[in-house]
Amino acid sequence: MIESPTGKLKGATFKYIESELYGYSDTLREIAFLRKNLIFCSPHEDENIRGGKRNIPSRPTE
């Protein structure tokens, strides 16, 4: 086991954390790619080109 400030880490845990830190820049790049695709790429055309109905009644109750 490896000593840490809060206790001991198992070797497998240390190796996993080490691999995640090594690939951190790739992870950030993948997150940016996915965020861009979610924001800017919509598979559907906007069918509501004239806007929606008003939510105010046109003839209020008299």
PDB file of N, CA and C in Angstrom:
ATOM      1  N   MET A   1       0.830  -1.178   0.000  1.00  0.00           N
ATOM      2  CA  MET A   1       0.000   0.000   0.000  1.00  0.00           C
ATOM      3  C   MET A   1       0.877   1.244   0.000  1.00  0.00           C
ATOM      4  N   ILE A   2       0.314   2.329  -0.509  1.00  0.00           N
ATOM      5  CA  ILE A   2       1.039   3.585  -0.625  1.00  0.00           C
ATOM      6  C   ILE A   2       0.498   4.555   0.421  1.00  0.00           C
ATOM      7  N   GLU A   3       1.400   5.206   1.123  1.00  0.00           N
ATOM      8  CA  GLU A   3       1.002   6.166   2.152  1.00  0.00           C
ATOM      9  C   GLU A   3       0.459   7.434   1.496  1.00  0.00           C
ATOM     10  N   SER A   4      -0.595   7.977   2.052  1.00  0.00           N
ATOM     11  CA  SER A   4      -1.142   9.249   1.615  1.00  0.00           C
ATOM     12  C   SER A   4      -1.448  10.070   2.859  1.00  0.00           C
ATOM     13  N   PRO A   5      -1.695  11.367   2.712  1.00  0.00           N
ATOM     14  CA  PRO A   5      -1.966  12.199   3.895  1.00  0.00           C
ATOM     15  C   PRO A   5      -3.179  11.730   4.695  1.00  0.00           C
ATOM     16  N   THR A   6      -4.158  11.123   4.046  1.00  0.00           N
ATOM     17  CA  THR A   6      -5.374  10.707   4.748  1.00  0.00           C
ATOM     18  C   THR A   6      -5.405   9.222   5.046  1.00  0.00           C
ATOM     19  N   GLY A   7      -4.410   8.492   4.665  1.00  0.00           N
ATOM     20  CA  GLY A   7      -4.408   7.060   4.919  1.00  0.00           C
ATOM     21  C   GLY A   7      -3.595   6.327   3.884  1.00  0.00           C
ATOM     22  N   LYS A   8      -4.000   5.099   3.577  1.00  0.00           N
ATOM     23  CA  LYS A   8      -3.261   4.272   2.630  1.00  0.00           C
ATOM     24  C   LYS A   8      -4.112   4.000   1.400  1.00  0.00           C
ATOM     25  N   LEU A   9      -3.451   3.980   0.246  1.00  0.00           N
ATOM     26  CA  LEU A   9      -4.111   3.645  -1.011  1.00  0.00           C
ATOM     27  C   LEU A   9      -3.648   2.268  -1.452  1.00  0.00           C
ATOM     28  N   LYS A  10      -4.562   1.494  -1.999  1.00  0.00           N
ATOM     29  CA  LYS A  10      -4.171   0.219  -2.598  1.00  0.00           C
ATOM     30  C   LYS A  10      -3.444   0.515  -3.902  1.00  0.00           C
ATOM     31  N   GLY A  11      -2.615  -0.412  -4.324  1.00  0.00           N
ATOM     32  CA  GLY A  11      -1.853  -0.231  -5.556  1.00  0.00           C
ATOM     33  C   GLY A  11      -2.736  -0.036  -6.769  1.00  0.00           C
ATOM     34  N   ALA A  12      -3.835  -0.789  -6.845  1.00  0.00           N
ATOM     35  CA  ALA A  12      -4.739  -0.677  -7.992  1.00  0.00           C
ATOM     36  C   ALA A  12      -5.411   0.692  -8.020  1.00  0.00           C
ATOM     37  N   THR A  13      -5.768   1.206  -6.858  1.00  0.00           N
ATOM     38  CA  THR A  13      -6.390   2.530  -6.780  1.00  0.00           C
ATOM     39  C   THR A  13      -5.412   3.597  -7.241  1.00  0.00           C
ATOM     40  N   PHE A  14      -4.170   3.487  -6.796  1.00  0.00           N
ATOM     41  CA  PHE A  14      -3.145   4.441  -7.199  1.00  0.00           C
ATOM     42  C   PHE A  14      -2.926   4.398  -8.706  1.00  0.00           C
ATOM     43  N   LYS A  15      -2.861   3.202  -9.276  1.00  0.00           N
ATOM     44  CA  LYS A  15      -2.654   3.060 -10.725  1.00  0.00           C
ATOM     45  C   LYS A  15      -3.822   3.663 -11.506  1.00  0.00           C
ATOM     46  N   TYR A  16      -5.057   3.468 -11.017  1.00  0.00           N
ATOM     47  CA  TYR A  16      -6.230   4.027 -11.689  1.00  0.00           C
ATOM     48  C   TYR A  16      -6.177   5.554 -11.669  1.00  0.00           C
ATOM     49  N   ILE A  17      -5.893   6.126 -10.509  1.00  0.00           N
ATOM     50  CA  ILE A  17      -5.811   7.584 -10.401  1.00  0.00           C
ATOM     51  C   ILE A  17      -4.693   8.113 -11.289  1.00  0.00           C
ATOM     52  N   GLU A  18      -3.580   7.419 -11.312  1.00  0.00           N
ATOM     53  CA  GLU A  18      -2.455   7.823 -12.146  1.00  0.00           C
ATOM     54  C   GLU A  18      -2.834   7.812 -13.631  1.00  0.00           C
ATOM     55  N   SER A  19      -3.569   6.790 -14.064  1.00  0.00           N
ATOM     56  CA  SER A  19      -3.972   6.713 -15.473  1.00  0.00           C
ATOM     57  C   SER A  19      -4.980   7.806 -15.824  1.00  0.00           C
ATOM     58  N   GLU A  20      -5.879   8.125 -14.896  1.00  0.00           N
ATOM     59  CA  GLU A  20      -6.842   9.201 -15.145  1.00  0.00           C
ATOM     60  C   GLU A  20      -6.135  10.551 -15.246  1.00  0.00           C
ATOM     61  N   LEU A  21      -5.171  10.787 -14.393  1.00  0.00           N
ATOM     62  CA  LEU A  21      -4.420  12.042 -14.452  1.00  0.00           C
ATOM     63  C   LEU A  21      -3.577  12.125 -15.720  1.00  0.00           C
ATOM     64  N   TYR A  22      -3.026  11.009 -16.151  1.00  0.00           N
ATOM     65  CA  TYR A  22      -2.223  10.985 -17.373  1.00  0.00           C
ATOM     66  C   TYR A  22      -3.082  11.342 -18.592  1.00  0.00           C
ATOM     67  N   GLY A  23      -4.321  10.859 -18.632  1.00  0.00           N
ATOM     68  CA  GLY A  23      -5.207  11.117 -19.760  1.00  0.00           C
ATOM     69  C   GLY A  23      -6.142  12.292 -19.557  1.00  0.00           C
ATOM     70  N   TYR A  24      -5.836  13.169 -18.594  1.00  0.00           N
ATOM     71  CA  TYR A  24      -6.732  14.275 -18.256  1.00  0.00           C
ATOM     72  C   TYR A  24      -6.942  15.228 -19.425  1.00  0.00           C
ATOM     73  N   SER A  25      -5.895  15.538 -20.183  1.00  0.00           N
ATOM     74  CA  SER A  25      -6.044  16.451 -21.322  1.00  0.00           C
ATOM     75  C   SER A  25      -6.942  15.835 -22.388  1.00  0.00           C
ATOM     76  N   ASP A  26      -6.841  14.526 -22.589  1.00  0.00           N
ATOM     77  CA  ASP A  26      -7.733  13.852 -23.534  1.00  0.00           C
ATOM     78  C   ASP A  26      -9.176  13.900 -23.041  1.00  0.00           C
ATOM     79  N   THR A  27      -9.364  13.755 -21.737  1.00  0.00           N
ATOM     80  CA  THR A  27     -10.704  13.819 -21.161  1.00  0.00           C
ATOM     81  C   THR A  27     -11.307  15.202 -21.368  1.00  0.00           C
ATOM     82  N   LEU A  28     -10.526  16.250 -21.130  1.00  0.00           N
ATOM     83  CA  LEU A  28     -11.015  17.612 -21.345  1.00  0.00           C
ATOM     84  C   LEU A  28     -11.364  17.852 -22.809  1.00  0.00           C
ATOM     85  N   ARG A  29     -10.548  17.333 -23.710  1.00  0.00           N
ATOM     86  CA  ARG A  29     -10.806  17.484 -25.139  1.00  0.00           C
ATOM     87  C   ARG A  29     -12.105  16.776 -25.529  1.00  0.00           C
ATOM     88  N   GLU A  30     -12.334  15.594 -24.990  1.00  0.00           N
ATOM     89  CA  GLU A  30     -13.553  14.839 -25.285  1.00  0.00           C
ATOM     90  C   GLU A  30     -14.788  15.549 -24.726  1.00  0.00           C
ATOM     91  N   ILE A  31     -14.683  16.113 -23.535  1.00  0.00           N
ATOM     92  CA  ILE A  31     -15.803  16.856 -22.951  1.00  0.00           C
ATOM     93  C   ILE A  31     -16.142  18.068 -23.809  1.00  0.00           C
ATOM     94  N   ALA A  32     -15.134  18.802 -24.273  1.00  0.00           N
ATOM     95  CA  ALA A  32     -15.368  19.964 -25.134  1.00  0.00           C
ATOM     96  C   ALA A  32     -16.022  19.547 -26.443  1.00  0.00           C
ATOM     97  N   PHE A  33     -15.578  18.433 -27.011  1.00  0.00           N
ATOM     98  CA  PHE A  33     -16.163  17.924 -28.253  1.00  0.00           C
ATOM     99  C   PHE A  33     -17.633  17.563 -28.060  1.00  0.00           C
ATOM    100  N   LEU A  34     -17.940  16.846 -26.982  1.00  0.00           N
ATOM    101  CA  LEU A  34     -19.324  16.452 -26.717  1.00  0.00           C
ATOM    102  C   LEU A  34     -20.199  17.663 -26.423  1.00  0.00           C
ATOM    103  N   ARG A  35     -19.686  18.624 -25.669  1.00  0.00           N
ATOM    104  CA  ARG A  35     -20.450  19.833 -25.366  1.00  0.00           C
ATOM    105  C   ARG A  35     -20.786  20.583 -26.651  1.00  0.00           C
ATOM    106  N   LYS A  36     -19.807  20.720 -27.541  1.00  0.00           N
ATOM    107  CA  LYS A  36     -20.025  21.417 -28.810  1.00  0.00           C
ATOM    108  C   LYS A  36     -21.089  20.700 -29.634  1.00  0.00           C
ATOM    109  N   ASN A  37     -21.025  19.372 -29.690  1.00  0.00           N
ATOM    110  CA  ASN A  37     -22.013  18.619 -30.454  1.00  0.00           C
ATOM    111  C   ASN A  37     -23.402  18.732 -29.855  1.00  0.00           C
ATOM    112  N   LEU A  38     -23.510  18.739 -28.547  1.00  0.00           N
ATOM    113  CA  LEU A  38     -24.818  18.856 -27.912  1.00  0.00           C
ATOM    114  C   LEU A  38     -25.429  20.228 -28.129  1.00  0.00           C
ATOM    115  N   ILE A  39     -24.609  21.270 -28.116  1.00  0.00           N
ATOM    116  CA  ILE A  39     -25.127  22.628 -28.239  1.00  0.00           C
ATOM    117  C   ILE A  39     -25.449  22.975 -29.688  1.00  0.00           C
ATOM    118  N   PHE A  40     -24.575  22.652 -30.615  1.00  0.00           N
ATOM    119  CA  PHE A  40     -24.702  23.149 -31.978  1.00  0.00           C
ATOM    120  C   PHE A  40     -25.269  22.160 -32.988  1.00  0.00           C
ATOM    121  N   CYS A  41     -25.348  20.900 -32.667  1.00  0.00           N
ATOM    122  CA  CYS A  41     -25.809  19.909 -33.638  1.00  0.00           C
ATOM    123  C   CYS A  41     -27.158  19.354 -33.210  1.00  0.00           C
ATOM    124  N   SER A  42     -28.189  19.789 -33.889  1.00  0.00           N
ATOM    125  CA  SER A  42     -29.526  19.281 -33.608  1.00  0.00           C
ATOM    126  C   SER A  42     -29.992  18.490 -34.821  1.00  0.00           C
ATOM    127  N   PRO A  43     -30.428  17.256 -34.637  1.00  0.00           N
ATOM    128  CA  PRO A  43     -30.840  16.452 -35.782  1.00  0.00           C
ATOM    129  C   PRO A  43     -32.184  16.869 -36.371  1.00  0.00           C
ATOM    130  N   HIS A  44     -32.937  17.715 -35.676  1.00  0.00           N
ATOM    131  CA  HIS A  44     -34.270  18.096 -36.134  1.00  0.00           C
ATOM    132  C   HIS A  44     -34.306  19.571 -36.507  1.00  0.00           C
ATOM    133  N   GLU A  45     -35.062  19.861 -37.556  1.00  0.00           N
ATOM    134  CA  GLU A  45     -35.294  21.243 -37.942  1.00  0.00           C
ATOM    135  C   GLU A  45     -36.299  21.856 -36.983  1.00  0.00           C
ATOM    136  N   ASP A  46     -36.208  23.142 -36.766  1.00  0.00           N
ATOM    137  CA  ASP A  46     -37.165  23.832 -35.920  1.00  0.00           C
ATOM    138  C   ASP A  46     -38.451  24.012 -36.710  1.00  0.00           C
ATOM    139  N   GLU A  47     -39.509  23.339 -36.273  1.00  0.00           N
ATOM    140  CA  GLU A  47     -40.788  23.403 -36.977  1.00  0.00           C
ATOM    141  C   GLU A  47     -41.607  24.610 -36.552  1.00  0.00           C
ATOM    142  N   ASN A  48     -41.228  25.275 -35.506  1.00  0.00           N
ATOM    143  CA  ASN A  48     -41.980  26.391 -34.972  1.00  0.00           C
ATOM    144  C   ASN A  48     -41.391  27.697 -35.500  1.00  0.00           C
ATOM    145  N   ILE A  49     -41.488  27.914 -36.820  1.00  0.00           N
ATOM    146  CA  ILE A  49     -40.853  29.077 -37.420  1.00  0.00           C
ATOM    147  C   ILE A  49     -41.694  30.341 -37.275  1.00  0.00           C
ATOM    148  N   ARG A  50     -43.001  30.213 -37.047  1.00  0.00           N
ATOM    149  CA  ARG A  50     -43.856  31.388 -36.903  1.00  0.00           C
ATOM    150  C   ARG A  50     -44.099  31.736 -35.447  1.00  0.00           C
ATOM    151  N   GLY A  51     -43.534  31.020 -34.552  1.00  0.00           N
ATOM    152  CA  GLY A  51     -43.743  31.281 -33.134  1.00  0.00           C
ATOM    153  C   GLY A  51     -44.934  30.504 -32.617  1.00  0.00           C
ATOM    154  N   GLY A  52     -45.106  30.542 -31.350  1.00  0.00           N
ATOM    155  CA  GLY A  52     -46.204  29.810 -30.727  1.00  0.00           C
ATOM    156  C   GLY A  52     -47.433  30.676 -30.557  1.00  0.00           C
ATOM    157  N   LYS A  53     -48.461  30.093 -29.973  1.00  0.00           N
ATOM    158  CA  LYS A  53     -49.669  30.856 -29.688  1.00  0.00           C
ATOM    159  C   LYS A  53     -49.418  31.744 -28.484  1.00  0.00           C
ATOM    160  N   ARG A  54     -50.161  32.826 -28.429  1.00  0.00           N
ATOM    161  CA  ARG A  54     -50.055  33.703 -27.274  1.00  0.00           C
ATOM    162  C   ARG A  54     -50.665  33.021 -26.069  1.00  0.00           C
ATOM    163  N   ASN A  55     -50.135  33.298 -24.915  1.00  0.00           N
ATOM    164  CA  ASN A  55     -50.701  32.707 -23.723  1.00  0.00           C
ATOM    165  C   ASN A  55     -51.718  33.630 -23.059  1.00  0.00           C
ATOM    166  N   ILE A  56     -52.005  34.775 -23.702  1.00  0.00           N
ATOM    167  CA  ILE A  56     -53.012  35.708 -23.200  1.00  0.00           C
ATOM    168  C   ILE A  56     -54.288  35.488 -24.008  1.00  0.00           C
ATOM    169  N   PRO A  57     -55.428  35.317 -23.350  1.00  0.00           N
ATOM    170  CA  PRO A  57     -56.669  35.105 -24.098  1.00  0.00           C
ATOM    171  C   PRO A  57     -57.001  36.314 -24.971  1.00  0.00           C
ATOM    172  N   SER A  58     -57.483  36.056 -26.180  1.00  0.00           N
ATOM    173  CA  SER A  58     -57.813  37.156 -27.082  1.00  0.00           C
ATOM    174  C   SER A  58     -59.140  37.806 -26.706  1.00  0.00           C
ATOM    175  N   ARG A  59     -60.040  37.036 -26.105  1.00  0.00           N
ATOM    176  CA  ARG A  59     -61.328  37.587 -25.675  1.00  0.00           C
ATOM    177  C   ARG A  59     -61.537  37.242 -24.204  1.00  0.00           C
ATOM    178  N   PRO A  60     -61.184  38.128 -23.325  1.00  0.00           N
ATOM    179  CA  PRO A  60     -61.385  37.830 -21.911  1.00  0.00           C
ATOM    180  C   PRO A  60     -62.866  37.688 -21.588  1.00  0.00           C
ATOM    181  N   THR A  61     -63.161  36.982 -20.545  1.00  0.00           N
ATOM    182  CA  THR A  61     -64.549  36.784 -20.142  1.00  0.00           C
ATOM    183  C   THR A  61     -65.169  38.125 -19.792  1.00  0.00           C
ATOM    184  N   GLU A  62     -66.387  38.357 -20.336  1.00  0.00           N
ATOM    185  CA  GLU A  62     -67.061  39.640 -20.115  1.00  0.00           C
ATOM    186  C   GLU A  62     -67.949  39.586 -18.917  1.00  0.00           C
TER     187      GLU A  62
END
